[in-house]
Amino acid sequence: MDLPTETDVFIAGGGPAGLVAAIAARQKGFRVVVADSAHSAIDKACGEGLMPDAVAALSSLGVSIAPGEYVPFRGIRFSGHGRSVAATFPAGVGYGVRRTTLHRILAAKAEEAGVTLLWDSPVLGLDGQRVLLRNHSLTARFIVGADGAGSAVRRWAGLDSRLRDSQRFGFRRHFQVAPWTDHVEVHWASGCQIYVTPVAADQVNVALLSRSSDLRLDQALPLFPELMERLRGAAPSSTERGSISASRRLRRVCHGRIALIGDASGSVDAVTGEGLSLAFQQALALAGAMELDDLGLYQKAHNRIRRRPALMADLMLLMDQRDSLRRRVFSALSARPKVFADMLSMHVHGFSPRVLATSAITLGWSMFTA
């Protein structure tokens, strides 16, 4: 391949955030180069659920996932303390899709759109607007850091200053068993949660989140007898893979003509299920800001996009930290499932002050009288 010596947009990181940013920028007419030190396709420990707003963002870019490559899910179910409450999405469906499948689809779409993809190409440094690769360098009008939670681009650009930084630990494994529901299940116990996402006709993804780096799925499953019974006799179909789930907010996500996206730009805890949705919405906002040659617009949009999931993460993590609160919440929600439906609607589609106030009052009264 004849490597370019200049481009409009250079993206460090070829995961879903970087690839969607590349597709969005390419559709604005920019020349785009993506470089990543890994081979395609990139795997990562995650819940593998795309919420309806993530599916809509991909659709707006012309990215389609073929039937058979995903399993639709229609809502969320919370289970814990002998109680369960479920709600369906007010519009649209989510997709359960293997991370490797999603990456392959996004890489193919980016290549089809004319993005130059450089795999096995680590980014070694920045010199102004010049990007230093192994055995090559190029200049770029815009440089985008999509290189994950440990972003080198963030450090080189002087954007590492943080307003908030906390973390939990996640481990996931797939099991060979037919999905038993069309919802993503979130099972709660003291100090941890397990998420179950259908990802194929005969396979589910089981992901553990906790504050302990030592807690593994095999150790945690006995805390969830109902789920353990569901998985009895089901063979693991992947090795256990781990990652860090961070709640991180940066002071800035732009400096000069450098911008950060995805986990490189901060994150909310995986308890929300919104990680990929945030990255895809950021990609659309970043492409629009670059088209107007004003990354300040992206900073404002990034703050707005993050606000709702961050608030929801804070509320749900209170349940993770306090057993007595979690018990009262489950008791109240199971008695008033409409409140849970309203909360899910706000989580997916944004806040309505009236609905938020009504739900808060109803939930608070139910907890007080529980």
Protein backbone atom coordinates (compact mmCIF):
# COMPACT_ATOMS: atom_id res chain seq x y z
CA MET A 1 0.00 0.00 0.00
CA ASP A 2 1.21 3.50 -0.85
CA LEU A 3 0.86 5.25 2.50
CA PRO A 4 -0.41 8.84 2.45
CA THR A 5 1.86 11.61 3.72
CA GLU A 6 -1.07 13.84 4.62
CA THR A 7 -4.75 13.50 5.40
CA ASP A 8 -7.67 15.55 6.66
CA VAL A 9 -8.45 13.36 9.67
CA PHE A 10 -6.14 10.92 11.41
CA ILE A 11 -7.70 8.58 14.00
CA ALA A 12 -5.54 6.70 16.48
CA GLY A 13 -7.49 3.58 17.43
CA GLY A 14 -9.47 1.21 15.25
CA GLY A 15 -12.07 -0.04 17.71
CA PRO A 16 -15.79 0.71 17.31
CA ALA A 17 -15.39 4.36 18.43
CA GLY A 18 -12.59 5.04 15.98
CA LEU A 19 -14.25 3.24 13.08
CA VAL A 20 -17.60 4.99 13.54
CA ALA A 21 -15.79 8.33 13.81
CA ALA A 22 -13.99 7.50 10.56
CA ILE A 23 -17.23 6.61 8.76
CA ALA A 24 -18.93 9.78 9.99
CA ALA A 25 -15.97 11.97 8.94
CA ARG A 26 -15.72 10.25 5.56
CA GLN A 27 -19.40 10.97 4.92
CA LYS A 28 -18.59 14.67 5.46
CA GLY A 29 -16.08 14.44 2.61
CA PHE A 30 -12.87 14.24 4.67
CA ARG A 31 -9.92 12.06 3.77
CA VAL A 32 -9.52 9.72 6.75
CA VAL A 33 -6.73 7.45 7.98
CA VAL A 34 -7.16 5.05 10.93
CA ALA A 35 -4.21 3.33 12.58
CA ASP A 36 -4.19 0.65 15.28
CA SER A 37 -1.48 -1.57 16.71
CA ALA A 38 -3.82 -4.58 16.75
CA HIS A 39 -5.01 -6.96 14.08
CA SER A 40 -8.60 -6.72 12.89
CA ALA A 41 -10.98 -7.81 14.41
CA ILE A 42 -10.49 -6.43 17.91
CA ASP A 43 -12.18 -8.21 20.82
CA LYS A 44 -12.88 -6.69 24.24
CA ALA A 45 -14.68 -7.71 27.39
CA CYS A 46 -18.03 -5.92 27.26
CA GLY A 47 -21.73 -6.60 27.62
CA GLU A 48 -22.17 -6.74 23.82
CA GLY A 49 -25.54 -5.00 23.93
CA LEU A 50 -26.34 -2.08 21.63
CA MET A 51 -29.12 0.05 23.13
CA PRO A 52 -31.76 1.41 20.71
CA ASP A 53 -30.04 4.81 20.47
CA ALA A 54 -26.80 3.07 19.45
CA VAL A 55 -28.65 1.13 16.76
CA ALA A 56 -30.22 4.39 15.54
CA ALA A 57 -26.82 6.12 15.39
CA LEU A 58 -25.40 3.31 13.27
CA SER A 59 -28.45 3.38 11.02
CA SER A 60 -27.98 7.12 10.42
CA LEU A 61 -24.52 6.31 9.03
CA GLY A 62 -25.82 3.53 6.79
CA VAL A 63 -24.34 0.77 8.96
CA SER A 64 -26.63 -2.24 9.01
CA ILE A 65 -26.23 -5.51 10.88
CA ALA A 66 -27.76 -8.41 9.01
CA PRO A 67 -30.37 -10.71 10.58
CA GLY A 68 -28.58 -13.70 12.03
CA GLU A 69 -25.64 -11.57 13.17
CA TYR A 70 -27.52 -10.14 16.13
CA VAL A 71 -30.29 -11.03 18.53
CA PRO A 72 -32.90 -8.32 19.19
CA PHE A 73 -33.75 -7.49 22.78
CA ARG A 74 -36.80 -5.44 23.68
CA GLY A 75 -36.09 -4.20 27.17
CA ILE A 76 -34.28 -4.55 30.47
CA ARG A 77 -35.04 -6.76 33.48
CA PHE A 78 -33.64 -6.13 36.98
CA SER A 79 -33.56 -9.08 39.38
CA GLY A 80 -32.47 -9.22 43.00
CA HIS A 81 -33.54 -10.08 46.55
CA GLY A 82 -36.21 -12.46 45.28
CA ARG A 83 -37.88 -9.77 43.17
CA SER A 84 -37.87 -8.90 39.49
CA VAL A 85 -39.06 -5.94 37.44
CA ALA A 86 -38.93 -5.51 33.66
CA ALA A 87 -39.78 -2.89 31.07
CA THR A 88 -39.70 -2.73 27.29
CA PHE A 89 -38.16 0.09 25.32
CA PRO A 90 -40.72 2.73 24.33
CA ALA A 91 -39.45 2.62 20.73
CA GLY A 92 -37.01 0.46 18.80
CA VAL A 93 -35.07 -2.59 19.93
CA GLY A 94 -31.56 -3.22 21.11
CA TYR A 95 -29.12 -5.61 19.45
CA GLY A 96 -27.10 -8.28 21.18
CA VAL A 97 -24.07 -8.73 18.92
CA ARG A 98 -20.65 -10.26 19.44
CA ARG A 99 -17.94 -7.62 19.68
CA THR A 100 -15.86 -9.29 16.97
CA THR A 101 -18.87 -9.37 14.64
CA LEU A 102 -19.56 -5.67 15.23
CA HIS A 103 -15.91 -4.80 14.61
CA ARG A 104 -15.82 -6.76 11.36
CA ILE A 105 -18.96 -4.99 10.10
CA LEU A 106 -17.66 -1.52 11.03
CA ALA A 107 -14.24 -2.16 9.47
CA ALA A 108 -15.85 -3.33 6.23
CA LYS A 109 -18.12 -0.26 6.14
CA ALA A 110 -15.18 2.08 6.78
CA GLU A 111 -13.15 0.47 4.01
CA GLU A 112 -16.13 0.65 1.65
CA ALA A 113 -16.47 4.36 2.47
CA GLY A 114 -12.86 4.99 1.45
CA VAL A 115 -11.17 5.11 4.86
CA THR A 116 -7.49 4.07 4.84
CA LEU A 117 -7.10 1.39 7.53
CA LEU A 118 -3.61 0.71 8.88
CA TRP A 119 -3.59 -2.39 11.08
CA ASP A 120 -0.47 -3.47 12.97
CA SER A 121 0.52 0.21 12.94
CA PRO A 122 1.17 1.57 16.44
CA VAL A 123 1.10 5.34 16.85
CA LEU A 124 4.43 6.28 18.43
CA GLY A 125 3.95 9.98 19.01
CA LEU A 126 2.75 13.39 17.86
CA ASP A 127 4.84 16.32 16.68
CA GLY A 128 2.38 19.17 16.27
CA GLN A 129 0.05 18.00 13.51
CA ARG A 130 2.49 15.29 12.42
CA VAL A 131 1.69 11.73 13.47
CA LEU A 132 4.62 9.37 13.98
CA LEU A 133 4.00 5.76 13.02
CA ARG A 134 6.39 2.86 12.77
CA ASN A 135 8.50 3.49 9.63
CA HIS A 136 6.17 6.28 8.49
CA SER A 137 4.76 9.69 9.40
CA LEU A 138 2.00 11.89 8.06
CA THR A 139 0.40 15.26 8.76
CA ALA A 140 -3.28 15.69 9.53
CA ARG A 141 -5.63 18.64 9.75
CA PHE A 142 -7.43 16.97 12.67
CA ILE A 143 -6.10 14.27 15.00
CA VAL A 144 -8.57 12.09 16.91
CA GLY A 145 -7.67 9.95 19.89
CA ALA A 146 -9.87 6.86 19.91
CA ASP A 147 -7.24 4.75 21.63
CA GLY A 148 -9.15 3.67 24.70
CA ALA A 149 -9.09 4.30 28.44
CA GLY A 150 -5.27 4.40 28.59
CA SER A 151 -5.08 6.83 25.66
CA ALA A 152 -1.58 7.90 24.64
CA VAL A 153 -3.06 10.65 22.45
CA ARG A 154 -4.76 12.08 25.52
CA ARG A 155 -1.43 12.21 27.34
CA TRP A 156 0.50 13.68 24.41
CA ALA A 157 -2.16 16.38 23.94
CA GLY A 158 -2.06 17.39 27.60
CA LEU A 159 -5.70 16.38 28.15
CA ASP A 160 -5.15 13.96 31.05
CA SER A 161 -6.49 16.36 33.70
CA ARG A 162 -9.54 14.74 35.32
CA LEU A 163 -12.48 15.98 37.31
CA ARG A 164 -13.42 12.46 38.33
CA ASP A 165 -11.88 9.01 38.13
CA SER A 166 -13.14 5.78 39.71
CA GLN A 167 -13.20 2.24 38.45
CA ARG A 168 -14.73 -1.20 38.75
CA PHE A 169 -13.73 -4.49 37.17
CA GLY A 170 -15.55 -6.55 34.56
CA PHE A 171 -15.18 -10.15 33.39
CA ARG A 172 -17.21 -11.85 30.69
CA ARG A 173 -17.67 -15.30 29.24
CA HIS A 174 -20.09 -16.74 26.68
CA PHE A 175 -22.20 -19.82 27.35
CA GLN A 176 -23.70 -22.22 24.83
CA VAL A 177 -27.38 -22.01 25.74
CA ALA A 178 -30.47 -20.66 24.02
CA PRO A 179 -31.56 -17.24 25.35
CA TRP A 180 -34.53 -17.59 27.68
CA THR A 181 -35.79 -14.00 27.37
CA ASP A 182 -35.92 -11.10 24.91
CA HIS A 183 -34.60 -8.73 27.60
CA VAL A 184 -31.12 -7.97 28.85
CA GLU A 185 -31.08 -9.18 32.44
CA VAL A 186 -29.25 -7.39 35.24
CA HIS A 187 -28.91 -9.57 38.33
CA TRP A 188 -28.00 -7.72 41.54
CA ALA A 189 -26.26 -8.98 44.68
CA SER A 190 -24.16 -7.38 47.38
CA GLY A 191 -21.16 -5.72 45.74
CA CYS A 192 -21.65 -6.97 42.19
CA GLN A 193 -23.97 -7.37 39.23
CA ILE A 194 -24.16 -9.92 36.43
CA TYR A 195 -25.52 -8.96 33.02
CA VAL A 196 -26.92 -11.51 30.59
CA THR A 197 -27.22 -10.49 26.94
CA PRO A 198 -28.51 -12.80 24.18
CA VAL A 199 -25.97 -12.69 21.32
CA ALA A 200 -26.97 -15.69 19.16
CA ALA A 201 -29.75 -18.21 18.84
CA ASP A 202 -27.74 -20.59 21.01
CA GLN A 203 -25.48 -18.28 23.01
CA VAL A 204 -25.59 -15.70 25.80
CA ASN A 205 -22.96 -13.31 27.10
CA VAL A 206 -22.60 -13.34 30.89
CA ALA A 207 -20.70 -10.34 32.26
CA LEU A 208 -19.73 -9.63 35.88
CA LEU A 209 -19.11 -6.14 37.31
CA SER A 210 -17.71 -5.52 40.78
CA ARG A 211 -15.25 -3.40 42.74
CA SER A 212 -12.94 -6.38 43.28
CA SER A 213 -10.26 -7.18 40.73
CA ASP A 214 -10.08 -10.71 42.18
CA LEU A 215 -13.75 -11.70 41.86
CA ARG A 216 -14.38 -13.99 38.89
CA LEU A 217 -17.56 -15.36 37.34
CA ASP A 218 -17.19 -18.84 38.82
CA GLN A 219 -16.90 -17.30 42.29
CA ALA A 220 -19.78 -14.87 41.81
CA LEU A 221 -22.37 -17.16 40.22
CA PRO A 222 -23.35 -18.88 43.51
CA LEU A 223 -24.61 -15.47 44.66
CA PHE A 224 -27.25 -15.72 41.90
CA PRO A 225 -28.99 -19.10 42.31
CA GLU A 226 -31.69 -18.41 39.69
CA LEU A 227 -29.09 -17.55 37.06
CA MET A 228 -26.89 -20.44 38.10
CA GLU A 229 -29.78 -22.81 37.51
CA ARG A 230 -30.33 -21.31 34.04
CA LEU A 231 -26.69 -21.98 33.15
CA ARG A 232 -26.57 -25.48 34.65
CA GLY A 233 -25.05 -27.81 32.05
CA ALA A 234 -24.30 -24.97 29.60
CA ALA A 235 -20.76 -25.22 28.26
CA PRO A 236 -18.60 -22.07 28.15
CA SER A 237 -18.06 -21.08 24.50
CA SER A 238 -15.32 -18.49 25.11
CA THR A 239 -12.53 -17.91 27.56
CA GLU A 240 -13.06 -15.45 30.39
CA ARG A 241 -11.89 -11.97 29.41
CA GLY A 242 -11.53 -8.99 31.72
CA SER A 243 -11.44 -5.21 31.51
CA ILE A 244 -11.83 -2.10 33.64
CA SER A 245 -15.13 -0.22 33.79
CA ALA A 246 -14.31 3.41 34.59
CA SER A 247 -16.34 6.42 35.62
CA ARG A 248 -14.06 9.12 34.26
CA ARG A 249 -14.70 12.74 33.41
CA LEU A 250 -12.01 14.90 31.84
CA ARG A 251 -11.74 18.67 32.12
CA ARG A 252 -11.45 18.95 28.35
CA VAL A 253 -11.69 16.59 25.38
CA CYS A 254 -10.16 18.96 22.80
CA HIS A 255 -6.89 20.85 22.48
CA GLY A 256 -6.09 22.77 19.32
CA ARG A 257 -6.95 20.40 16.50
CA ILE A 258 -6.83 17.27 18.61
CA ALA A 259 -10.04 15.67 19.92
CA LEU A 260 -10.78 12.60 22.00
CA ILE A 261 -13.62 10.15 21.52
CA GLY A 262 -14.96 7.01 23.18
CA ASP A 263 -13.21 5.77 26.33
CA ALA A 264 -10.23 8.02 25.55
CA SER A 265 -12.53 10.99 26.20
CA GLY A 266 -13.85 9.69 29.52
CA SER A 267 -16.55 7.17 30.31
CA VAL A 268 -19.49 6.23 32.49
CA ASP A 269 -19.71 2.98 34.41
CA ALA A 270 -20.81 -0.01 32.33
CA VAL A 271 -23.85 -0.36 34.62
CA THR A 272 -25.67 1.94 32.16
CA GLY A 273 -25.02 -0.22 29.06
CA GLU A 274 -24.42 3.04 27.18
CA GLY A 275 -20.68 2.85 26.39
CA LEU A 276 -20.96 2.24 22.65
CA SER A 277 -23.98 4.50 22.30
CA LEU A 278 -21.99 7.38 23.82
CA ALA A 279 -19.10 6.75 21.43
CA PHE A 280 -21.38 6.64 18.38
CA GLN A 281 -23.18 9.86 19.34
CA GLN A 282 -19.81 11.51 19.95
CA ALA A 283 -18.65 10.41 16.50
CA LEU A 284 -21.61 12.12 14.84
CA ALA A 285 -21.05 15.31 16.87
CA LEU A 286 -17.31 15.33 16.13
CA ALA A 287 -17.84 14.96 12.39
CA GLY A 288 -20.24 17.92 12.42
CA ALA A 289 -17.79 20.06 14.43
CA MET A 290 -14.91 19.23 12.07
CA GLU A 291 -17.08 20.12 9.10
CA LEU A 292 -17.61 23.58 10.66
CA ASP A 293 -13.91 23.75 11.63
CA ASP A 294 -14.83 24.36 15.27
CA LEU A 295 -13.92 21.69 17.83
CA GLY A 296 -15.41 23.88 20.55
CA LEU A 297 -18.79 22.71 19.28
CA TYR A 298 -17.69 19.14 19.91
CA GLN A 299 -16.68 19.95 23.49
CA LYS A 300 -20.16 21.33 24.17
CA ALA A 301 -21.84 18.37 22.51
CA HIS A 302 -19.65 15.92 24.41
CA ASN A 303 -20.70 17.46 27.73
CA ARG A 304 -24.37 17.23 26.73
CA ILE A 305 -24.13 13.64 25.47
CA ARG A 306 -22.46 12.46 28.67
CA ARG A 307 -24.79 14.17 31.15
CA ARG A 308 -27.78 11.80 31.16
CA PRO A 309 -25.89 8.45 31.29
CA ALA A 310 -23.56 9.83 33.97
CA LEU A 311 -26.51 10.76 36.19
CA MET A 312 -28.16 7.38 35.67
CA ALA A 313 -24.86 5.63 36.46
CA ASP A 314 -24.55 7.57 39.73
CA LEU A 315 -28.09 6.62 40.74
CA MET A 316 -27.58 2.93 39.98
CA LEU A 317 -24.19 2.78 41.69
CA LEU A 318 -25.85 3.99 44.89
CA MET A 319 -27.72 0.69 44.79
CA ASP A 320 -24.43 -1.14 44.32
CA GLN A 321 -22.95 0.45 47.44
CA ARG A 322 -25.90 0.19 49.84
CA ASP A 323 -27.69 -3.12 50.38
CA SER A 324 -30.56 -1.60 52.37
CA LEU A 325 -31.23 1.00 49.67
CA ARG A 326 -31.16 -1.65 46.95
CA ARG A 327 -33.67 -3.81 48.80
CA ARG A 328 -36.06 -0.88 49.20
CA VAL A 329 -35.67 0.10 45.53
CA PHE A 330 -36.44 -3.43 44.34
CA SER A 331 -39.44 -3.64 46.63
CA ALA A 332 -40.74 -0.29 45.38
CA LEU A 333 -40.11 -0.98 41.69
CA SER A 334 -41.70 -4.43 41.77
CA ALA A 335 -44.79 -2.86 43.36
CA ARG A 336 -44.88 -0.03 40.80
CA PRO A 337 -43.46 -1.35 37.48
CA LYS A 338 -44.60 1.77 35.61
CA VAL A 339 -41.94 3.76 37.47
CA PHE A 340 -39.30 1.37 36.13
CA ALA A 341 -40.75 1.76 32.62
CA ASP A 342 -40.56 5.56 32.95
CA MET A 343 -36.96 5.34 34.16
CA LEU A 344 -35.99 3.14 31.21
CA SER A 345 -37.71 5.54 28.80
CA MET A 346 -35.72 8.46 30.26
CA HIS A 347 -32.52 6.43 30.12
CA VAL A 348 -32.96 5.68 26.44
CA HIS A 349 -34.63 8.83 25.12
CA GLY A 350 -33.72 11.60 27.55
CA PHE A 351 -35.29 13.33 30.50
CA SER A 352 -38.74 14.79 30.76
CA PRO A 353 -38.74 17.06 33.85
CA ARG A 354 -42.37 16.21 34.54
CA VAL A 355 -41.89 12.45 34.23
CA LEU A 356 -38.66 12.62 36.23
CA ALA A 357 -40.33 14.50 39.07
CA THR A 358 -43.36 12.19 39.09
CA SER A 359 -41.21 9.06 39.05
CA ALA A 360 -38.93 10.36 41.81
CA ILE A 361 -41.87 11.21 44.05
CA THR A 362 -43.63 7.90 43.39
CA LEU A 363 -40.48 5.85 43.92
CA GLY A 364 -39.53 7.78 47.05
CA TRP A 365 -42.99 7.31 48.60
CA SER A 366 -42.99 3.61 47.72
CA MET A 367 -39.58 3.15 49.37
CA PHE A 368 -40.72 5.08 52.45
CA THR A 369 -43.81 2.91 52.87
CA ALA A 370 -42.13 -0.37 51.87
